[in-house]
Amino acid sequence: MKGDFMTYTQKIINIGNSLGITLPKDTVNKLKLKAGLPVIVDFDEEERTYRVDPRPTKKEIKKKKITSVAIKPEFESWANTFINKNIDLFKKLAHRNDIPNH
């Protein structure tokens, strides 16, 4: 994992027909989370871990001109395989002089 991280022990609670986990107040404050904001939840089957990634709001995206998006691990793996299989072609394309710069 990158950077510092905190470990908390939380109880699983019932929320209607679902289950949920509460977040500590200091974590909510640090991440500027509010009820209803979208988050991405990743599950690592091998490690049996979850990662919650707060996504920027539309307002934050406009304000900061954020253009990044979450990439699914399956797509990232496919893209890396594709690039590695075709690395020589990509190197040739990168050094062509007849392709105009954008």
N, C-alpha and C. Protein backbone atom coordinates (compact mmCIF):
# COMPACT_ATOMS: atom_id res chain seq x y z
N MET A 1 0.83 -1.19 0.00
CA MET A 1 0.00 0.00 0.00
C MET A 1 0.87 1.24 0.00
N LYS A 2 0.41 2.25 -0.69
CA LYS A 2 1.16 3.50 -0.74
C LYS A 2 0.80 4.37 0.45
N GLY A 3 1.77 5.06 0.99
CA GLY A 3 1.51 6.02 2.05
C GLY A 3 1.15 5.39 3.37
N ASP A 4 0.85 6.27 4.32
CA ASP A 4 0.46 5.81 5.65
C ASP A 4 -1.00 5.38 5.63
N PHE A 5 -1.33 4.40 6.44
CA PHE A 5 -2.72 4.01 6.56
C PHE A 5 -3.02 3.64 7.99
N MET A 6 -4.27 3.77 8.36
CA MET A 6 -4.72 3.48 9.71
C MET A 6 -5.54 2.20 9.67
N THR A 7 -5.47 1.43 10.73
CA THR A 7 -6.27 0.22 10.85
C THR A 7 -7.26 0.40 11.99
N TYR A 8 -8.51 0.14 11.71
CA TYR A 8 -9.57 0.24 12.70
C TYR A 8 -10.30 -1.10 12.77
N THR A 9 -10.82 -1.43 13.93
CA THR A 9 -11.71 -2.57 14.07
C THR A 9 -13.12 -2.01 14.19
N GLN A 10 -13.95 -2.35 13.23
CA GLN A 10 -15.33 -1.87 13.20
C GLN A 10 -16.27 -3.07 13.17
N LYS A 11 -17.47 -2.90 13.70
CA LYS A 11 -18.47 -3.96 13.65
C LYS A 11 -19.32 -3.81 12.40
N ILE A 12 -19.74 -4.94 11.86
CA ILE A 12 -20.66 -4.94 10.74
C ILE A 12 -22.07 -4.73 11.31
N ILE A 13 -22.81 -3.82 10.69
CA ILE A 13 -24.16 -3.51 11.17
C ILE A 13 -25.19 -3.79 10.08
N ASN A 14 -26.44 -3.98 10.48
CA ASN A 14 -27.54 -4.14 9.54
C ASN A 14 -28.01 -2.78 9.07
N ILE A 15 -28.21 -2.65 7.77
CA ILE A 15 -28.78 -1.45 7.17
C ILE A 15 -29.86 -1.95 6.21
N GLY A 16 -31.09 -2.01 6.68
CA GLY A 16 -32.17 -2.60 5.88
C GLY A 16 -31.87 -4.06 5.64
N ASN A 17 -31.89 -4.48 4.37
CA ASN A 17 -31.57 -5.86 4.00
C ASN A 17 -30.08 -6.04 3.71
N SER A 18 -29.30 -5.01 3.90
CA SER A 18 -27.87 -5.05 3.60
C SER A 18 -27.05 -4.99 4.89
N LEU A 19 -25.75 -5.09 4.72
CA LEU A 19 -24.81 -4.93 5.83
C LEU A 19 -23.93 -3.73 5.53
N GLY A 20 -23.44 -3.10 6.58
CA GLY A 20 -22.57 -1.95 6.40
C GLY A 20 -21.54 -1.86 7.50
N ILE A 21 -20.58 -1.00 7.28
CA ILE A 21 -19.53 -0.74 8.26
C ILE A 21 -19.47 0.77 8.44
N THR A 22 -19.46 1.23 9.68
CA THR A 22 -19.36 2.66 9.93
C THR A 22 -17.91 3.12 9.80
N LEU A 23 -17.74 4.37 9.45
CA LEU A 23 -16.41 4.96 9.32
C LEU A 23 -16.15 5.87 10.50
N PRO A 24 -14.94 5.81 11.07
CA PRO A 24 -14.61 6.69 12.20
C PRO A 24 -14.71 8.17 11.79
N LYS A 25 -15.13 9.01 12.73
CA LYS A 25 -15.34 10.42 12.46
C LYS A 25 -14.08 11.11 11.92
N ASP A 26 -12.90 10.78 12.47
CA ASP A 26 -11.68 11.43 11.99
C ASP A 26 -11.38 11.07 10.54
N THR A 27 -11.71 9.84 10.14
CA THR A 27 -11.52 9.43 8.75
C THR A 27 -12.49 10.18 7.85
N VAL A 28 -13.73 10.28 8.27
CA VAL A 28 -14.75 11.01 7.51
C VAL A 28 -14.31 12.46 7.32
N ASN A 29 -13.80 13.07 8.38
CA ASN A 29 -13.35 14.47 8.30
C ASN A 29 -12.13 14.62 7.39
N LYS A 30 -11.15 13.74 7.52
CA LYS A 30 -9.94 13.83 6.69
C LYS A 30 -10.26 13.69 5.21
N LEU A 31 -11.18 12.78 4.88
CA LEU A 31 -11.53 12.52 3.48
C LEU A 31 -12.65 13.41 2.98
N LYS A 32 -13.19 14.26 3.87
CA LYS A 32 -14.29 15.16 3.52
C LYS A 32 -15.47 14.39 2.93
N LEU A 33 -15.83 13.30 3.60
CA LEU A 33 -16.94 12.47 3.15
C LEU A 33 -18.26 12.99 3.69
N LYS A 34 -19.31 12.77 2.92
CA LYS A 34 -20.67 13.12 3.33
C LYS A 34 -21.59 12.01 2.86
N ALA A 35 -22.69 11.83 3.56
CA ALA A 35 -23.68 10.83 3.15
C ALA A 35 -24.13 11.11 1.72
N GLY A 36 -24.18 10.09 0.91
CA GLY A 36 -24.63 10.23 -0.47
C GLY A 36 -23.53 10.44 -1.49
N LEU A 37 -22.30 10.74 -1.05
CA LEU A 37 -21.20 10.91 -2.00
C LEU A 37 -20.78 9.55 -2.55
N PRO A 38 -20.43 9.48 -3.84
CA PRO A 38 -20.03 8.20 -4.41
C PRO A 38 -18.62 7.80 -3.97
N VAL A 39 -18.43 6.50 -3.78
CA VAL A 39 -17.11 5.93 -3.51
C VAL A 39 -16.96 4.69 -4.38
N ILE A 40 -15.73 4.36 -4.69
CA ILE A 40 -15.42 3.13 -5.40
C ILE A 40 -14.96 2.13 -4.35
N VAL A 41 -15.51 0.93 -4.37
CA VAL A 41 -15.12 -0.12 -3.42
C VAL A 41 -14.48 -1.25 -4.22
N ASP A 42 -13.21 -1.51 -3.95
CA ASP A 42 -12.48 -2.60 -4.60
C ASP A 42 -12.32 -3.75 -3.62
N PHE A 43 -12.46 -4.96 -4.11
CA PHE A 43 -12.27 -6.14 -3.28
C PHE A 43 -11.15 -6.97 -3.87
N ASP A 44 -10.12 -7.27 -3.08
CA ASP A 44 -9.01 -8.11 -3.49
C ASP A 44 -9.27 -9.50 -2.92
N GLU A 45 -9.71 -10.43 -3.81
CA GLU A 45 -10.06 -11.78 -3.36
C GLU A 45 -8.89 -12.50 -2.72
N GLU A 46 -7.73 -12.36 -3.34
CA GLU A 46 -6.54 -13.06 -2.84
C GLU A 46 -6.16 -12.58 -1.44
N GLU A 47 -6.16 -11.27 -1.26
CA GLU A 47 -5.79 -10.67 0.03
C GLU A 47 -6.97 -10.60 1.00
N ARG A 48 -8.18 -10.80 0.49
CA ARG A 48 -9.41 -10.68 1.28
C ARG A 48 -9.51 -9.30 1.93
N THR A 49 -9.25 -8.28 1.12
CA THR A 49 -9.30 -6.91 1.63
C THR A 49 -10.21 -6.06 0.74
N TYR A 50 -10.78 -5.03 1.35
CA TYR A 50 -11.56 -4.03 0.64
C TYR A 50 -10.80 -2.72 0.68
N ARG A 51 -10.98 -1.93 -0.36
CA ARG A 51 -10.42 -0.58 -0.39
C ARG A 51 -11.55 0.36 -0.79
N VAL A 52 -11.73 1.39 -0.02
CA VAL A 52 -12.75 2.39 -0.32
C VAL A 52 -12.03 3.64 -0.83
N ASP A 53 -12.38 4.06 -2.04
CA ASP A 53 -11.72 5.19 -2.68
C ASP A 53 -12.75 6.29 -2.94
N PRO A 54 -12.70 7.38 -2.18
CA PRO A 54 -13.65 8.47 -2.43
C PRO A 54 -13.41 9.07 -3.81
N ARG A 55 -14.48 9.26 -4.53
CA ARG A 55 -14.38 9.87 -5.86
C ARG A 55 -14.68 11.35 -5.74
N PRO A 56 -14.05 12.17 -6.57
CA PRO A 56 -14.34 13.60 -6.52
C PRO A 56 -15.76 13.88 -7.01
N THR A 57 -16.37 14.91 -6.45
CA THR A 57 -17.70 15.32 -6.90
C THR A 57 -17.57 16.07 -8.22
N LYS A 58 -18.69 16.25 -8.92
CA LYS A 58 -18.67 17.00 -10.18
C LYS A 58 -18.13 18.42 -9.96
N LYS A 59 -18.51 19.01 -8.82
CA LYS A 59 -18.04 20.36 -8.49
C LYS A 59 -16.51 20.37 -8.34
N GLU A 60 -15.97 19.36 -7.64
CA GLU A 60 -14.51 19.27 -7.47
C GLU A 60 -13.81 19.03 -8.80
N ILE A 61 -14.43 18.22 -9.65
CA ILE A 61 -13.83 17.94 -10.96
C ILE A 61 -13.73 19.22 -11.76
N LYS A 62 -14.80 20.01 -11.79
CA LYS A 62 -14.78 21.28 -12.53
C LYS A 62 -13.77 22.25 -11.93
N LYS A 63 -13.77 22.35 -10.60
CA LYS A 63 -12.89 23.29 -9.90
C LYS A 63 -11.42 22.95 -10.12
N LYS A 64 -11.08 21.68 -10.00
CA LYS A 64 -9.69 21.26 -10.10
C LYS A 64 -9.32 20.75 -11.48
N LYS A 65 -10.30 20.69 -12.37
CA LYS A 65 -10.09 20.16 -13.72
C LYS A 65 -9.51 18.75 -13.66
N ILE A 66 -10.12 17.94 -12.82
CA ILE A 66 -9.68 16.55 -12.67
C ILE A 66 -10.16 15.76 -13.88
N THR A 67 -9.25 15.02 -14.50
CA THR A 67 -9.63 14.25 -15.67
C THR A 67 -9.38 12.76 -15.50
N SER A 68 -8.83 12.35 -14.38
CA SER A 68 -8.53 10.93 -14.20
C SER A 68 -9.79 10.15 -13.88
N VAL A 69 -9.77 8.88 -14.23
CA VAL A 69 -10.88 7.98 -13.94
C VAL A 69 -10.33 6.70 -13.35
N ALA A 70 -11.18 5.98 -12.66
CA ALA A 70 -10.77 4.69 -12.11
C ALA A 70 -10.68 3.68 -13.24
N ILE A 71 -9.64 2.87 -13.22
CA ILE A 71 -9.46 1.82 -14.23
C ILE A 71 -9.58 0.48 -13.54
N LYS A 72 -10.43 -0.36 -14.10
CA LYS A 72 -10.62 -1.68 -13.51
C LYS A 72 -9.34 -2.50 -13.67
N PRO A 73 -8.98 -3.30 -12.66
CA PRO A 73 -7.76 -4.11 -12.73
C PRO A 73 -7.72 -5.03 -13.95
N GLU A 74 -8.89 -5.56 -14.36
CA GLU A 74 -8.93 -6.45 -15.52
C GLU A 74 -8.51 -5.71 -16.79
N PHE A 75 -8.99 -4.47 -16.94
CA PHE A 75 -8.62 -3.68 -18.12
C PHE A 75 -7.15 -3.31 -18.07
N GLU A 76 -6.67 -2.92 -16.90
CA GLU A 76 -5.26 -2.56 -16.76
C GLU A 76 -4.37 -3.74 -17.12
N SER A 77 -4.74 -4.94 -16.68
CA SER A 77 -3.98 -6.14 -16.99
C SER A 77 -3.98 -6.41 -18.49
N TRP A 78 -5.17 -6.29 -19.12
CA TRP A 78 -5.27 -6.50 -20.56
C TRP A 78 -4.41 -5.49 -21.31
N ALA A 79 -4.50 -4.21 -20.92
CA ALA A 79 -3.73 -3.16 -21.60
C ALA A 79 -2.23 -3.40 -21.47
N ASN A 80 -1.78 -3.77 -20.28
CA ASN A 80 -0.35 -4.05 -20.08
C ASN A 80 0.10 -5.22 -20.94
N THR A 81 -0.71 -6.26 -21.02
CA THR A 81 -0.37 -7.42 -21.86
C THR A 81 -0.30 -7.00 -23.32
N PHE A 82 -1.28 -6.21 -23.78
CA PHE A 82 -1.32 -5.74 -25.16
C PHE A 82 -0.08 -4.90 -25.49
N ILE A 83 0.25 -3.99 -24.59
CA ILE A 83 1.42 -3.13 -24.81
C ILE A 83 2.69 -3.96 -24.85
N ASN A 84 2.85 -4.89 -23.90
CA ASN A 84 4.06 -5.71 -23.86
C ASN A 84 4.20 -6.58 -25.10
N LYS A 85 3.09 -7.10 -25.61
CA LYS A 85 3.14 -7.93 -26.83
C LYS A 85 3.51 -7.11 -28.05
N ASN A 86 3.18 -5.82 -28.04
CA ASN A 86 3.37 -4.96 -29.21
C ASN A 86 4.38 -3.84 -28.95
N ILE A 87 5.26 -4.04 -27.99
CA ILE A 87 6.18 -2.97 -27.59
C ILE A 87 7.06 -2.48 -28.74
N ASP A 88 7.52 -3.40 -29.60
CA ASP A 88 8.37 -2.98 -30.72
C ASP A 88 7.61 -2.07 -31.68
N LEU A 89 6.36 -2.40 -31.94
CA LEU A 89 5.53 -1.56 -32.81
C LEU A 89 5.33 -0.18 -32.19
N PHE A 90 5.05 -0.12 -30.90
CA PHE A 90 4.87 1.17 -30.24
C PHE A 90 6.14 2.01 -30.29
N LYS A 91 7.29 1.37 -30.13
CA LYS A 91 8.56 2.11 -30.20
C LYS A 91 8.78 2.68 -31.59
N LYS A 92 8.46 1.89 -32.63
CA LYS A 92 8.59 2.39 -34.01
C LYS A 92 7.65 3.56 -34.25
N LEU A 93 6.41 3.43 -33.79
CA LEU A 93 5.45 4.52 -33.96
C LEU A 93 5.89 5.79 -33.22
N ALA A 94 6.49 5.63 -32.08
CA ALA A 94 6.93 6.78 -31.28
C ALA A 94 8.04 7.56 -31.97
N HIS A 95 8.81 6.90 -32.82
CA HIS A 95 9.94 7.55 -33.47
C HIS A 95 9.68 7.93 -34.92
N ARG A 96 8.43 7.79 -35.38
CA ARG A 96 8.11 8.19 -36.76
C ARG A 96 8.05 9.71 -36.85
N ASN A 97 8.57 10.24 -37.93
CA ASN A 97 8.57 11.69 -38.13
C ASN A 97 7.39 12.17 -38.96
N ASP A 98 6.66 11.26 -39.61
CA ASP A 98 5.58 11.69 -40.49
C ASP A 98 4.23 11.82 -39.78
N ILE A 99 4.21 11.61 -38.47
CA ILE A 99 2.97 11.76 -37.71
C ILE A 99 3.00 13.13 -37.05
N PRO A 100 2.02 14.00 -37.37
CA PRO A 100 2.03 15.35 -36.79
C PRO A 100 1.76 15.32 -35.29
N ASN A 101 2.38 16.27 -34.58
CA ASN A 101 2.14 16.40 -33.14
C ASN A 101 0.78 17.05 -32.91
N HIS A 102 0.16 16.70 -31.82
CA HIS A 102 -1.15 17.28 -31.50
C HIS A 102 -0.97 18.45 -30.59
